[in-house]
Amino acid sequence: MAKGDKDTSKDDDNNAVEIVFFKSDSCAFCPRAEEVITDMMEDFGESALKLTIINVSENPETAEDYGVFALPTTMIGGVSVTGIPEPEILMKMILGSKISSRRGVFSE
């Protein structure tokens, strides 16, 4: 993980869905978007989700590597949403990621 990025997961459980959140120090909407994400994480419980926060003010190359050019951006299971995410959209992204990961297990 690059300097300035932080991983807020409490548990490195392989079954946890990873949420990657891109923000910057100058982004007016990023604090509210992060609040929506952390509220959603509380609903799921600590071990179900893993949050990685990437501050593009400190690591612009990381955002480029992910193809992120607008902030805030939330990425779950390869699907991204820009702006303040609606809780319902986050829920669908999380559940979709869980279903996709289970299909991989059953199809082997």
N, C-alpha and C. Protein backbone atom coordinates (compact mmCIF):
# COMPACT_ATOMS: atom_id res chain seq x y z
N MET A 1 0.86 -1.17 0.00
CA MET A 1 0.00 0.00 0.00
C MET A 1 0.90 1.23 0.00
N ALA A 2 0.59 2.22 -0.80
CA ALA A 2 1.42 3.41 -0.94
C ALA A 2 1.28 4.32 0.27
N LYS A 3 2.28 5.17 0.47
CA LYS A 3 2.24 6.14 1.56
C LYS A 3 1.00 7.03 1.42
N GLY A 4 0.34 7.28 2.53
CA GLY A 4 -0.86 8.12 2.49
C GLY A 4 -2.14 7.35 2.31
N ASP A 5 -2.02 6.09 1.94
CA ASP A 5 -3.20 5.24 1.82
C ASP A 5 -3.39 4.56 3.16
N LYS A 6 -4.62 4.29 3.50
CA LYS A 6 -4.82 3.57 4.75
C LYS A 6 -5.85 2.49 4.58
N ASP A 7 -5.59 1.42 5.27
CA ASP A 7 -6.47 0.27 5.26
C ASP A 7 -7.14 0.27 6.62
N THR A 8 -8.46 0.44 6.64
CA THR A 8 -9.16 0.55 7.91
C THR A 8 -9.79 -0.76 8.34
N SER A 9 -9.45 -1.86 7.68
CA SER A 9 -10.04 -3.14 8.06
C SER A 9 -9.46 -3.59 9.39
N LYS A 10 -10.28 -4.24 10.17
CA LYS A 10 -9.84 -4.77 11.45
C LYS A 10 -9.42 -6.23 11.28
N ASP A 11 -9.83 -6.84 10.19
CA ASP A 11 -9.65 -8.27 10.01
C ASP A 11 -9.30 -8.53 8.55
N ASP A 12 -8.29 -9.32 8.29
CA ASP A 12 -7.91 -9.63 6.92
C ASP A 12 -8.63 -10.86 6.41
N ASP A 13 -9.87 -11.02 6.76
CA ASP A 13 -10.68 -12.16 6.35
C ASP A 13 -10.78 -12.20 4.84
N ASN A 14 -10.47 -13.35 4.24
CA ASN A 14 -10.50 -13.49 2.79
C ASN A 14 -11.91 -13.37 2.23
N ASN A 15 -12.93 -13.55 3.04
CA ASN A 15 -14.31 -13.46 2.58
C ASN A 15 -14.84 -12.04 2.62
N ALA A 16 -14.08 -11.11 3.16
CA ALA A 16 -14.53 -9.73 3.26
C ALA A 16 -14.56 -9.09 1.87
N VAL A 17 -15.58 -8.29 1.62
CA VAL A 17 -15.67 -7.54 0.38
C VAL A 17 -14.84 -6.28 0.54
N GLU A 18 -13.96 -6.03 -0.42
CA GLU A 18 -13.11 -4.84 -0.34
C GLU A 18 -13.79 -3.65 -0.99
N ILE A 19 -13.80 -2.56 -0.25
CA ILE A 19 -14.27 -1.27 -0.75
C ILE A 19 -13.04 -0.39 -0.87
N VAL A 20 -12.81 0.15 -2.06
CA VAL A 20 -11.70 1.07 -2.27
C VAL A 20 -12.31 2.45 -2.48
N PHE A 21 -11.94 3.39 -1.61
CA PHE A 21 -12.50 4.74 -1.64
C PHE A 21 -11.40 5.72 -1.99
N PHE A 22 -11.62 6.48 -3.06
CA PHE A 22 -10.67 7.49 -3.51
C PHE A 22 -11.16 8.86 -3.11
N LYS A 23 -10.27 9.62 -2.45
CA LYS A 23 -10.62 10.97 -2.00
C LYS A 23 -9.41 11.87 -2.15
N SER A 24 -9.64 13.17 -1.92
CA SER A 24 -8.52 14.10 -1.88
C SER A 24 -8.76 15.11 -0.77
N ASP A 25 -7.69 15.81 -0.42
CA ASP A 25 -7.77 16.80 0.65
C ASP A 25 -8.65 17.99 0.27
N SER A 26 -8.76 18.27 -1.03
CA SER A 26 -9.52 19.44 -1.48
C SER A 26 -10.93 19.12 -1.96
N CYS A 27 -11.33 17.88 -1.85
CA CYS A 27 -12.64 17.46 -2.34
C CYS A 27 -13.74 17.85 -1.34
N ALA A 28 -14.70 18.62 -1.81
CA ALA A 28 -15.79 19.08 -0.93
C ALA A 28 -16.79 17.97 -0.61
N PHE A 29 -16.94 17.00 -1.49
CA PHE A 29 -17.94 15.94 -1.30
C PHE A 29 -17.38 14.68 -0.67
N CYS A 30 -16.06 14.57 -0.60
CA CYS A 30 -15.42 13.36 -0.08
C CYS A 30 -15.77 13.03 1.37
N PRO A 31 -15.79 14.01 2.28
CA PRO A 31 -16.14 13.66 3.67
C PRO A 31 -17.53 13.03 3.80
N ARG A 32 -18.51 13.55 3.07
CA ARG A 32 -19.86 12.99 3.14
C ARG A 32 -19.90 11.60 2.51
N ALA A 33 -19.20 11.40 1.40
CA ALA A 33 -19.15 10.09 0.77
C ALA A 33 -18.52 9.07 1.71
N GLU A 34 -17.45 9.45 2.39
CA GLU A 34 -16.79 8.54 3.33
C GLU A 34 -17.73 8.21 4.49
N GLU A 35 -18.51 9.17 4.93
CA GLU A 35 -19.48 8.95 6.00
C GLU A 35 -20.54 7.92 5.58
N VAL A 36 -21.03 8.05 4.36
CA VAL A 36 -22.02 7.09 3.86
C VAL A 36 -21.43 5.68 3.84
N ILE A 37 -20.18 5.56 3.41
CA ILE A 37 -19.53 4.26 3.34
C ILE A 37 -19.34 3.66 4.73
N THR A 38 -18.85 4.46 5.66
CA THR A 38 -18.61 3.93 7.01
C THR A 38 -19.92 3.57 7.71
N ASP A 39 -20.98 4.32 7.44
CA ASP A 39 -22.30 3.95 7.99
C ASP A 39 -22.74 2.60 7.44
N MET A 40 -22.53 2.38 6.15
CA MET A 40 -22.90 1.12 5.52
C MET A 40 -22.08 -0.02 6.12
N MET A 41 -20.82 0.23 6.38
CA MET A 41 -19.96 -0.80 6.96
C MET A 41 -20.45 -1.22 8.34
N GLU A 42 -20.95 -0.27 9.12
CA GLU A 42 -21.50 -0.59 10.44
C GLU A 42 -22.70 -1.52 10.32
N ASP A 43 -23.50 -1.33 9.28
CA ASP A 43 -24.67 -2.18 9.06
C ASP A 43 -24.28 -3.62 8.76
N PHE A 44 -23.15 -3.82 8.07
CA PHE A 44 -22.71 -5.15 7.68
C PHE A 44 -21.89 -5.85 8.76
N GLY A 45 -21.26 -5.10 9.63
CA GLY A 45 -20.38 -5.70 10.64
C GLY A 45 -18.93 -5.61 10.20
N GLU A 46 -18.05 -5.62 11.17
CA GLU A 46 -16.63 -5.38 10.93
C GLU A 46 -15.96 -6.39 9.99
N SER A 47 -16.30 -7.66 10.09
CA SER A 47 -15.56 -8.67 9.33
C SER A 47 -16.09 -8.86 7.91
N ALA A 48 -17.23 -8.29 7.58
CA ALA A 48 -17.82 -8.51 6.26
C ALA A 48 -17.21 -7.62 5.18
N LEU A 49 -16.70 -6.45 5.58
CA LEU A 49 -16.18 -5.49 4.62
C LEU A 49 -14.79 -5.02 5.01
N LYS A 50 -14.00 -4.71 4.01
CA LYS A 50 -12.65 -4.18 4.21
C LYS A 50 -12.58 -2.86 3.44
N LEU A 51 -12.24 -1.77 4.13
CA LEU A 51 -12.17 -0.46 3.50
C LEU A 51 -10.72 -0.04 3.31
N THR A 52 -10.38 0.30 2.08
CA THR A 52 -9.08 0.86 1.75
C THR A 52 -9.32 2.27 1.24
N ILE A 53 -8.71 3.25 1.89
CA ILE A 53 -8.87 4.65 1.50
C ILE A 53 -7.60 5.10 0.80
N ILE A 54 -7.77 5.65 -0.39
CA ILE A 54 -6.64 6.15 -1.16
C ILE A 54 -6.81 7.66 -1.31
N ASN A 55 -5.88 8.39 -0.72
CA ASN A 55 -5.87 9.84 -0.81
C ASN A 55 -5.06 10.23 -2.03
N VAL A 56 -5.74 10.68 -3.08
CA VAL A 56 -5.06 10.98 -4.34
C VAL A 56 -4.26 12.27 -4.27
N SER A 57 -4.47 13.08 -3.23
CA SER A 57 -3.62 14.26 -3.04
C SER A 57 -2.18 13.82 -2.77
N GLU A 58 -2.06 12.69 -2.10
CA GLU A 58 -0.75 12.17 -1.76
C GLU A 58 -0.26 11.12 -2.74
N ASN A 59 -1.17 10.47 -3.45
CA ASN A 59 -0.83 9.38 -4.37
C ASN A 59 -1.62 9.46 -5.67
N PRO A 60 -1.37 10.48 -6.48
CA PRO A 60 -2.15 10.60 -7.72
C PRO A 60 -1.94 9.45 -8.69
N GLU A 61 -0.77 8.82 -8.66
CA GLU A 61 -0.49 7.72 -9.58
C GLU A 61 -1.35 6.50 -9.28
N THR A 62 -1.74 6.32 -8.02
CA THR A 62 -2.58 5.18 -7.66
C THR A 62 -3.96 5.32 -8.30
N ALA A 63 -4.52 6.53 -8.28
CA ALA A 63 -5.81 6.77 -8.92
C ALA A 63 -5.72 6.49 -10.42
N GLU A 64 -4.63 6.92 -11.04
CA GLU A 64 -4.44 6.67 -12.47
C GLU A 64 -4.37 5.18 -12.76
N ASP A 65 -3.69 4.44 -11.87
CA ASP A 65 -3.58 2.98 -12.06
C ASP A 65 -4.96 2.33 -12.06
N TYR A 66 -5.88 2.85 -11.25
CA TYR A 66 -7.24 2.31 -11.17
C TYR A 66 -8.17 2.93 -12.22
N GLY A 67 -7.70 3.93 -12.95
CA GLY A 67 -8.54 4.60 -13.94
C GLY A 67 -9.54 5.56 -13.32
N VAL A 68 -9.20 6.11 -12.15
CA VAL A 68 -10.08 7.04 -11.44
C VAL A 68 -9.63 8.46 -11.76
N PHE A 69 -10.55 9.26 -12.31
CA PHE A 69 -10.22 10.63 -12.69
C PHE A 69 -11.19 11.65 -12.09
N ALA A 70 -12.15 11.20 -11.29
CA ALA A 70 -13.10 12.10 -10.64
C ALA A 70 -13.28 11.63 -9.20
N LEU A 71 -13.56 12.57 -8.33
CA LEU A 71 -13.69 12.27 -6.90
C LEU A 71 -14.98 12.80 -6.33
N PRO A 72 -15.47 12.18 -5.28
CA PRO A 72 -15.04 10.92 -4.70
C PRO A 72 -15.47 9.75 -5.58
N THR A 73 -14.68 8.69 -5.55
CA THR A 73 -15.02 7.46 -6.27
C THR A 73 -14.95 6.29 -5.30
N THR A 74 -15.97 5.45 -5.36
CA THR A 74 -16.03 4.24 -4.55
C THR A 74 -16.02 3.05 -5.49
N MET A 75 -15.11 2.10 -5.24
CA MET A 75 -14.99 0.92 -6.10
C MET A 75 -15.20 -0.34 -5.25
N ILE A 76 -16.10 -1.19 -5.74
CA ILE A 76 -16.39 -2.46 -5.06
C ILE A 76 -16.48 -3.54 -6.13
N GLY A 77 -15.65 -4.53 -6.02
CA GLY A 77 -15.71 -5.66 -6.95
C GLY A 77 -15.54 -5.26 -8.41
N GLY A 78 -14.71 -4.28 -8.67
CA GLY A 78 -14.46 -3.85 -10.04
C GLY A 78 -15.50 -2.88 -10.60
N VAL A 79 -16.53 -2.58 -9.81
CA VAL A 79 -17.56 -1.63 -10.22
C VAL A 79 -17.34 -0.34 -9.43
N SER A 80 -17.42 0.80 -10.10
CA SER A 80 -17.19 2.05 -9.40
C SER A 80 -18.36 3.01 -9.56
N VAL A 81 -18.50 3.87 -8.56
CA VAL A 81 -19.49 4.93 -8.59
C VAL A 81 -18.79 6.21 -8.15
N THR A 82 -19.06 7.28 -8.87
CA THR A 82 -18.45 8.57 -8.56
C THR A 82 -19.50 9.47 -7.93
N GLY A 83 -19.06 10.25 -6.94
CA GLY A 83 -19.96 11.14 -6.21
C GLY A 83 -20.30 10.54 -4.87
N ILE A 84 -21.27 11.15 -4.21
CA ILE A 84 -21.72 10.63 -2.92
C ILE A 84 -22.63 9.44 -3.21
N PRO A 85 -22.21 8.25 -2.79
CA PRO A 85 -22.98 7.06 -3.15
C PRO A 85 -24.27 6.94 -2.35
N GLU A 86 -25.31 6.52 -3.02
CA GLU A 86 -26.57 6.22 -2.33
C GLU A 86 -26.39 4.90 -1.58
N PRO A 87 -26.88 4.80 -0.36
CA PRO A 87 -26.74 3.53 0.39
C PRO A 87 -27.27 2.32 -0.37
N GLU A 88 -28.36 2.50 -1.10
CA GLU A 88 -28.94 1.38 -1.86
C GLU A 88 -27.98 0.90 -2.95
N ILE A 89 -27.29 1.84 -3.59
CA ILE A 89 -26.33 1.48 -4.63
C ILE A 89 -25.15 0.73 -4.02
N LEU A 90 -24.66 1.21 -2.88
CA LEU A 90 -23.57 0.51 -2.19
C LEU A 90 -23.99 -0.91 -1.83
N MET A 91 -25.20 -1.05 -1.33
CA MET A 91 -25.71 -2.37 -0.94
C MET A 91 -25.71 -3.30 -2.15
N LYS A 92 -26.19 -2.83 -3.29
CA LYS A 92 -26.22 -3.65 -4.49
C LYS A 92 -24.81 -4.02 -4.96
N MET A 93 -23.89 -3.07 -4.86
CA MET A 93 -22.51 -3.34 -5.25
C MET A 93 -21.88 -4.38 -4.34
N ILE A 94 -22.12 -4.28 -3.04
CA ILE A 94 -21.57 -5.23 -2.08
C ILE A 94 -22.15 -6.62 -2.31
N LEU A 95 -23.46 -6.70 -2.43
CA LEU A 95 -24.10 -7.99 -2.66
C LEU A 95 -23.68 -8.60 -3.99
N GLY A 96 -23.57 -7.77 -5.01
CA GLY A 96 -23.11 -8.25 -6.31
C GLY A 96 -21.70 -8.80 -6.25
N SER A 97 -20.86 -8.14 -5.48
CA SER A 97 -19.49 -8.62 -5.32
C SER A 97 -19.46 -9.95 -4.58
N LYS A 98 -20.30 -10.10 -3.56
CA LYS A 98 -20.38 -11.36 -2.82
C LYS A 98 -20.84 -12.50 -3.73
N ILE A 99 -21.86 -12.23 -4.54
CA ILE A 99 -22.38 -13.25 -5.45
C ILE A 99 -21.31 -13.64 -6.47
N SER A 100 -20.62 -12.66 -7.02
CA SER A 100 -19.57 -12.94 -8.01
C SER A 100 -18.46 -13.78 -7.42
N SER A 101 -18.06 -13.48 -6.19
CA SER A 101 -16.98 -14.24 -5.57
C SER A 101 -17.41 -15.67 -5.27
N ARG A 102 -18.66 -15.87 -4.94
CA ARG A 102 -19.15 -17.23 -4.67
C ARG A 102 -19.27 -18.04 -5.94
N ARG A 103 -19.64 -17.39 -7.04
CA ARG A 103 -19.72 -18.11 -8.32
C ARG A 103 -18.37 -18.68 -8.69
N GLY A 104 -17.32 -17.92 -8.42
CA GLY A 104 -15.96 -18.38 -8.72
C GLY A 104 -15.63 -19.63 -7.93
N VAL A 105 -16.08 -19.71 -6.71
CA VAL A 105 -15.82 -20.87 -5.86
C VAL A 105 -16.58 -22.08 -6.37
N PHE A 106 -17.82 -21.91 -6.76
CA PHE A 106 -18.66 -23.03 -7.19
C PHE A 106 -18.34 -23.50 -8.61
N SER A 107 -17.77 -22.66 -9.43
CA SER A 107 -17.56 -23.04 -10.82
C SER A 107 -16.24 -23.79 -11.04
N GLU A 108 -15.43 -23.90 -10.01
CA GLU A 108 -14.14 -24.58 -10.17
C GLU A 108 -14.28 -26.08 -10.13
